[in-house]
Amino acid sequence: DVKRLYRSRNEKIFTGVCGGLGEYVNLDPTLVRLIFVLIVVFTAFVPGIISYLILWAIVPQNPYQ
């Protein structure tokens, strides 16, 4: 059985990207959000925001929730 990355329907605040990443790596989605915010702050915002938008565009929403 192949594990796939999906955007979360249950653990979402904005688009479900961080919630889906948390479910995929078995971490608390809040921790993933905190790590993502730190990455965005320490990379001068633009690369982090662009990577989030790219993930939002290419990662499908979970059809099973």
C-alpha atoms as a PDB file:
ATOM      1  CA  ASP A   1       0.000   0.000   0.000  1.00  0.00           C
ATOM      2  CA  VAL A   2       1.492   3.335  -1.089  1.00  0.00           C
ATOM      3  CA  LYS A   3       1.269   6.274   1.292  1.00  0.00           C
ATOM      4  CA  ARG A   4       0.238   9.447  -0.561  1.00  0.00           C
ATOM      5  CA  LEU A   5       0.501  13.084   0.390  1.00  0.00           C
ATOM      6  CA  TYR A   6      -2.841  14.897   0.460  1.00  0.00           C
ATOM      7  CA  ARG A   7      -4.053  18.228   1.766  1.00  0.00           C
ATOM      8  CA  SER A   8      -6.071  17.579   4.902  1.00  0.00           C
ATOM      9  CA  ARG A   9      -9.805  18.230   5.095  1.00  0.00           C
ATOM     10  CA  ASN A  10      -9.949  17.854   8.898  1.00  0.00           C
ATOM     11  CA  GLU A  11      -6.713  19.526  10.035  1.00  0.00           C
ATOM     12  CA  LYS A  12      -6.863  22.703   8.036  1.00  0.00           C
ATOM     13  CA  ILE A  13      -6.679  26.358   8.901  1.00  0.00           C
ATOM     14  CA  PHE A  14      -6.099  27.858   5.466  1.00  0.00           C
ATOM     15  CA  THR A  15      -5.728  25.254   2.707  1.00  0.00           C
ATOM     16  CA  GLY A  16      -4.788  22.059   4.579  1.00  0.00           C
ATOM     17  CA  VAL A  17      -1.177  21.898   3.358  1.00  0.00           C
ATOM     18  CA  CYS A  18       0.449  21.834   6.807  1.00  0.00           C
ATOM     19  CA  GLY A  19      -2.261  19.535   8.160  1.00  0.00           C
ATOM     20  CA  GLY A  20      -1.667  17.122   5.297  1.00  0.00           C
ATOM     21  CA  LEU A  21       2.093  17.217   5.814  1.00  0.00           C
ATOM     22  CA  GLY A  22       1.549  16.509   9.510  1.00  0.00           C
ATOM     23  CA  GLU A  23      -0.673  13.524   8.740  1.00  0.00           C
ATOM     24  CA  TYR A  24       1.854  12.246   6.184  1.00  0.00           C
ATOM     25  CA  VAL A  25       4.845  12.311   8.572  1.00  0.00           C
ATOM     26  CA  ASN A  26       2.797  11.450  11.690  1.00  0.00           C
ATOM     27  CA  LEU A  27       3.434  14.764  13.458  1.00  0.00           C
ATOM     28  CA  ASP A  28       1.022  17.100  15.164  1.00  0.00           C
ATOM     29  CA  PRO A  29      -0.194  19.565  12.478  1.00  0.00           C
ATOM     30  CA  THR A  30       0.349  22.433  14.918  1.00  0.00           C
ATOM     31  CA  LEU A  31       4.031  21.528  15.127  1.00  0.00           C
ATOM     32  CA  VAL A  32       4.260  21.428  11.325  1.00  0.00           C
ATOM     33  CA  ARG A  33       2.622  24.874  11.156  1.00  0.00           C
ATOM     34  CA  LEU A  34       5.070  26.248  13.711  1.00  0.00           C
ATOM     35  CA  ILE A  35       8.046  24.837  11.791  1.00  0.00           C
ATOM     36  CA  PHE A  36       6.670  26.280   8.562  1.00  0.00           C
ATOM     37  CA  VAL A  37       6.209  29.733  10.120  1.00  0.00           C
ATOM     38  CA  LEU A  38       9.791  29.657  11.395  1.00  0.00           C
ATOM     39  CA  ILE A  39      11.048  28.690   7.942  1.00  0.00           C
ATOM     40  CA  VAL A  40       9.054  31.520   6.361  1.00  0.00           C
ATOM     41  CA  VAL A  41      10.354  34.079   8.861  1.00  0.00           C
ATOM     42  CA  PHE A  42      13.987  33.002   8.537  1.00  0.00           C
ATOM     43  CA  THR A  43      13.934  32.887   4.712  1.00  0.00           C
ATOM     44  CA  ALA A  44      12.671  36.450   4.297  1.00  0.00           C
ATOM     45  CA  PHE A  45       9.053  35.358   3.639  1.00  0.00           C
ATOM     46  CA  VAL A  46       9.097  35.104  -0.165  1.00  0.00           C
ATOM     47  CA  PRO A  47      10.578  31.575  -0.633  1.00  0.00           C
ATOM     48  CA  GLY A  48       8.363  30.139   2.104  1.00  0.00           C
ATOM     49  CA  ILE A  49       5.208  31.723   0.758  1.00  0.00           C
ATOM     50  CA  ILE A  50       6.017  30.644  -2.793  1.00  0.00           C
ATOM     51  CA  SER A  51       6.671  27.058  -1.650  1.00  0.00           C
ATOM     52  CA  TYR A  52       3.348  27.033   0.250  1.00  0.00           C
ATOM     53  CA  LEU A  53       1.481  28.252  -2.831  1.00  0.00           C
ATOM     54  CA  ILE A  54       3.191  25.621  -4.990  1.00  0.00           C
ATOM     55  CA  LEU A  55       2.252  22.879  -2.505  1.00  0.00           C
ATOM     56  CA  TRP A  56      -1.319  24.178  -2.433  1.00  0.00           C
ATOM     57  CA  ALA A  57      -1.468  24.004  -6.226  1.00  0.00           C
ATOM     58  CA  ILE A  58       0.063  20.547  -6.745  1.00  0.00           C
ATOM     59  CA  VAL A  59      -0.983  18.510  -3.676  1.00  0.00           C
ATOM     60  CA  PRO A  60      -4.534  17.146  -4.115  1.00  0.00           C
ATOM     61  CA  GLN A  61      -7.126  17.355  -1.367  1.00  0.00           C
ATOM     62  CA  ASN A  62      -7.768  14.094   0.458  1.00  0.00           C
ATOM     63  CA  PRO A  63     -10.758  12.396  -1.217  1.00  0.00           C
ATOM     64  CA  TYR A  64     -11.253   9.924   1.662  1.00  0.00           C
ATOM     65  CA  GLN A  65     -12.079  12.251   4.545  1.00  0.00           C
END
